[in-house]
Amino acid sequence: PFVIVCNHQASLDLMGMVEVIPERCVPIAKRELLYLGTVGWACWLSGIIFIERQRRDAAIEIISRTASTMRRENVR
């Protein structure tokens, strides 16, 4: 298992990340990205899991459920 951290400096970074991220990878992003027009739609359609950084308990719950699913389905 590994973690890839991406610090977006421009909206085009997302396109480059698609080429770098390995198959069967589970992407997690801040919920604010969901509201960036076509970028948000593309993120949602690609299956990105969104977390609300302002609601710590909710973010931890989502990450915990994601980790359980990842173990069960044997994905990174």
N, C-alpha and C. Protein backbone atom coordinates (compact mmCIF):
# COMPACT_ATOMS: atom_id res chain seq x y z
N PRO A 1 0.83 -1.20 0.00
CA PRO A 1 0.00 0.00 0.00
C PRO A 1 0.88 1.26 0.00
N PHE A 2 0.33 2.31 -0.54
CA PHE A 2 1.05 3.57 -0.56
C PHE A 2 0.07 4.72 -0.64
N VAL A 3 0.58 5.94 -0.39
CA VAL A 3 -0.23 7.15 -0.44
C VAL A 3 0.41 8.10 -1.43
N ILE A 4 -0.38 8.65 -2.34
CA ILE A 4 0.09 9.66 -3.28
C ILE A 4 -0.59 10.96 -2.89
N VAL A 5 0.19 11.99 -2.62
CA VAL A 5 -0.35 13.29 -2.24
C VAL A 5 -0.12 14.25 -3.39
N CYS A 6 -1.19 14.89 -3.84
CA CYS A 6 -1.11 15.83 -4.96
C CYS A 6 -1.50 17.22 -4.48
N ASN A 7 -0.66 18.18 -4.73
CA ASN A 7 -0.94 19.56 -4.37
C ASN A 7 -1.25 20.32 -5.66
N HIS A 8 -2.52 20.57 -5.91
CA HIS A 8 -2.94 21.19 -7.17
C HIS A 8 -2.49 22.65 -7.21
N GLN A 9 -1.74 22.98 -8.25
CA GLN A 9 -1.34 24.37 -8.46
C GLN A 9 -2.14 24.99 -9.60
N ALA A 10 -2.77 24.17 -10.41
CA ALA A 10 -3.59 24.64 -11.53
C ALA A 10 -4.66 23.59 -11.81
N SER A 11 -5.71 23.99 -12.51
CA SER A 11 -6.78 23.04 -12.80
C SER A 11 -6.34 21.95 -13.77
N LEU A 12 -5.28 22.18 -14.51
CA LEU A 12 -4.77 21.17 -15.44
C LEU A 12 -4.03 20.04 -14.73
N ASP A 13 -3.68 20.23 -13.47
CA ASP A 13 -3.00 19.18 -12.71
C ASP A 13 -3.81 17.90 -12.67
N LEU A 14 -5.12 18.03 -12.62
CA LEU A 14 -6.00 16.86 -12.56
C LEU A 14 -5.78 15.95 -13.77
N MET A 15 -5.60 16.54 -14.93
CA MET A 15 -5.39 15.75 -16.13
C MET A 15 -4.07 14.98 -16.06
N GLY A 16 -3.05 15.59 -15.53
CA GLY A 16 -1.76 14.91 -15.39
C GLY A 16 -1.81 13.81 -14.35
N MET A 17 -2.57 14.03 -13.29
CA MET A 17 -2.69 13.02 -12.24
C MET A 17 -3.35 11.76 -12.75
N VAL A 18 -4.29 11.89 -13.67
CA VAL A 18 -4.98 10.73 -14.21
C VAL A 18 -3.98 9.77 -14.86
N GLU A 19 -2.94 10.31 -15.46
CA GLU A 19 -1.93 9.48 -16.12
C GLU A 19 -0.98 8.83 -15.11
N VAL A 20 -0.80 9.43 -13.95
CA VAL A 20 0.18 8.96 -12.97
C VAL A 20 -0.42 7.98 -11.96
N ILE A 21 -1.67 8.18 -11.58
CA ILE A 21 -2.30 7.37 -10.55
C ILE A 21 -2.47 5.94 -11.05
N PRO A 22 -2.03 4.96 -10.27
CA PRO A 22 -2.12 3.56 -10.70
C PRO A 22 -3.57 3.05 -10.72
N GLU A 23 -3.79 1.93 -11.44
CA GLU A 23 -5.11 1.31 -11.47
C GLU A 23 -5.49 0.83 -10.07
N ARG A 24 -6.77 0.70 -9.85
CA ARG A 24 -7.33 0.22 -8.59
C ARG A 24 -6.91 1.10 -7.41
N CYS A 25 -6.71 2.37 -7.69
CA CYS A 25 -6.36 3.34 -6.65
C CYS A 25 -7.65 4.01 -6.18
N VAL A 26 -7.73 4.32 -4.90
CA VAL A 26 -8.92 4.96 -4.34
C VAL A 26 -8.59 6.42 -4.05
N PRO A 27 -9.07 7.34 -4.88
CA PRO A 27 -8.78 8.76 -4.66
C PRO A 27 -9.71 9.39 -3.62
N ILE A 28 -9.14 10.23 -2.78
CA ILE A 28 -9.90 10.98 -1.78
C ILE A 28 -9.54 12.45 -1.97
N ALA A 29 -10.55 13.32 -1.94
CA ALA A 29 -10.32 14.75 -2.14
C ALA A 29 -11.20 15.56 -1.21
N LYS A 30 -10.81 16.81 -1.02
CA LYS A 30 -11.64 17.70 -0.20
C LYS A 30 -12.95 17.99 -0.93
N ARG A 31 -14.00 18.11 -0.17
CA ARG A 31 -15.34 18.29 -0.73
C ARG A 31 -15.47 19.57 -1.56
N GLU A 32 -14.65 20.56 -1.28
CA GLU A 32 -14.72 21.82 -2.00
C GLU A 32 -14.51 21.63 -3.50
N LEU A 33 -13.74 20.62 -3.90
CA LEU A 33 -13.50 20.36 -5.31
C LEU A 33 -14.78 19.99 -6.05
N LEU A 34 -15.74 19.45 -5.33
CA LEU A 34 -17.00 19.05 -5.95
C LEU A 34 -17.74 20.23 -6.57
N TYR A 35 -17.47 21.43 -6.09
CA TYR A 35 -18.19 22.62 -6.54
C TYR A 35 -17.39 23.46 -7.54
N LEU A 36 -16.42 22.86 -8.22
CA LEU A 36 -15.61 23.60 -9.19
C LEU A 36 -16.05 23.34 -10.63
N GLY A 37 -17.34 23.37 -10.87
CA GLY A 37 -17.86 23.22 -12.23
C GLY A 37 -17.50 21.90 -12.87
N THR A 38 -16.91 21.96 -14.06
CA THR A 38 -16.59 20.73 -14.78
C THR A 38 -15.54 19.90 -14.07
N VAL A 39 -14.65 20.53 -13.34
CA VAL A 39 -13.65 19.78 -12.56
C VAL A 39 -14.36 18.95 -11.49
N GLY A 40 -15.33 19.54 -10.83
CA GLY A 40 -16.11 18.82 -9.82
C GLY A 40 -16.88 17.66 -10.41
N TRP A 41 -17.48 17.90 -11.56
CA TRP A 41 -18.22 16.82 -12.24
C TRP A 41 -17.29 15.68 -12.61
N ALA A 42 -16.13 16.02 -13.15
CA ALA A 42 -15.16 14.99 -13.55
C ALA A 42 -14.70 14.20 -12.34
N CYS A 43 -14.47 14.88 -11.23
CA CYS A 43 -14.06 14.19 -9.99
C CYS A 43 -15.16 13.24 -9.52
N TRP A 44 -16.39 13.72 -9.51
CA TRP A 44 -17.51 12.91 -9.05
C TRP A 44 -17.72 11.70 -9.95
N LEU A 45 -17.66 11.92 -11.27
CA LEU A 45 -17.86 10.83 -12.22
C LEU A 45 -16.74 9.79 -12.15
N SER A 46 -15.55 10.22 -11.77
CA SER A 46 -14.43 9.28 -11.70
C SER A 46 -14.39 8.50 -10.39
N GLY A 47 -15.33 8.77 -9.51
CA GLY A 47 -15.43 7.97 -8.28
C GLY A 47 -14.62 8.48 -7.11
N ILE A 48 -14.20 9.72 -7.16
CA ILE A 48 -13.43 10.27 -6.04
C ILE A 48 -14.31 10.33 -4.80
N ILE A 49 -13.74 9.99 -3.67
CA ILE A 49 -14.45 10.05 -2.38
C ILE A 49 -14.15 11.40 -1.76
N PHE A 50 -15.20 12.15 -1.48
CA PHE A 50 -15.04 13.50 -0.95
C PHE A 50 -15.17 13.52 0.57
N ILE A 51 -14.31 14.31 1.22
CA ILE A 51 -14.40 14.48 2.67
C ILE A 51 -14.58 15.96 2.99
N GLU A 52 -15.32 16.21 4.06
CA GLU A 52 -15.52 17.58 4.53
C GLU A 52 -14.49 17.86 5.61
N ARG A 53 -13.55 18.72 5.30
CA ARG A 53 -12.47 19.00 6.25
C ARG A 53 -12.95 19.77 7.48
N GLN A 54 -14.05 20.52 7.35
CA GLN A 54 -14.55 21.29 8.49
C GLN A 54 -15.25 20.39 9.52
N ARG A 55 -15.71 19.22 9.09
CA ARG A 55 -16.40 18.29 9.99
C ARG A 55 -15.48 17.09 10.23
N ARG A 56 -14.61 17.22 11.21
CA ARG A 56 -13.58 16.23 11.48
C ARG A 56 -14.15 14.83 11.69
N ASP A 57 -15.19 14.72 12.51
CA ASP A 57 -15.77 13.40 12.79
C ASP A 57 -16.31 12.74 11.53
N ALA A 58 -16.98 13.53 10.69
CA ALA A 58 -17.53 12.98 9.45
C ALA A 58 -16.40 12.54 8.51
N ALA A 59 -15.33 13.33 8.44
CA ALA A 59 -14.19 12.99 7.59
C ALA A 59 -13.54 11.69 8.05
N ILE A 60 -13.36 11.54 9.35
CA ILE A 60 -12.76 10.31 9.90
C ILE A 60 -13.65 9.11 9.60
N GLU A 61 -14.96 9.28 9.71
CA GLU A 61 -15.89 8.19 9.43
C GLU A 61 -15.81 7.76 7.96
N ILE A 62 -15.77 8.72 7.06
CA ILE A 62 -15.68 8.40 5.64
C ILE A 62 -14.37 7.68 5.33
N ILE A 63 -13.28 8.16 5.88
CA ILE A 63 -11.99 7.53 5.64
C ILE A 63 -11.96 6.12 6.23
N SER A 64 -12.56 5.93 7.39
CA SER A 64 -12.61 4.60 8.01
C SER A 64 -13.42 3.62 7.16
N ARG A 65 -14.58 4.07 6.67
CA ARG A 65 -15.39 3.21 5.80
C ARG A 65 -14.66 2.89 4.50
N THR A 66 -13.96 3.87 3.97
CA THR A 66 -13.19 3.66 2.74
C THR A 66 -12.09 2.63 2.98
N ALA A 67 -11.39 2.74 4.11
CA ALA A 67 -10.32 1.79 4.43
C ALA A 67 -10.87 0.38 4.57
N SER A 68 -12.02 0.23 5.20
CA SER A 68 -12.64 -1.09 5.35
C SER A 68 -13.00 -1.69 3.99
N THR A 69 -13.57 -0.87 3.13
CA THR A 69 -13.92 -1.34 1.79
C THR A 69 -12.67 -1.71 1.00
N MET A 70 -11.62 -0.91 1.14
CA MET A 70 -10.37 -1.20 0.44
C MET A 70 -9.80 -2.55 0.86
N ARG A 71 -9.82 -2.82 2.16
CA ARG A 71 -9.31 -4.11 2.65
C ARG A 71 -10.17 -5.25 2.13
N ARG A 72 -11.49 -5.06 2.18
CA ARG A 72 -12.41 -6.11 1.75
C ARG A 72 -12.26 -6.40 0.25
N GLU A 73 -12.08 -5.36 -0.57
CA GLU A 73 -11.99 -5.53 -2.02
C GLU A 73 -10.56 -5.62 -2.54
N ASN A 74 -9.59 -5.57 -1.62
CA ASN A 74 -8.18 -5.71 -1.96
C ASN A 74 -7.73 -4.68 -3.00
N VAL A 75 -7.99 -3.40 -2.71
CA VAL A 75 -7.52 -2.32 -3.57
C VAL A 75 -6.55 -1.45 -2.80
N ARG A 76 -5.82 -0.62 -3.52
CA ARG A 76 -4.86 0.29 -2.88
C ARG A 76 -5.59 1.50 -2.36
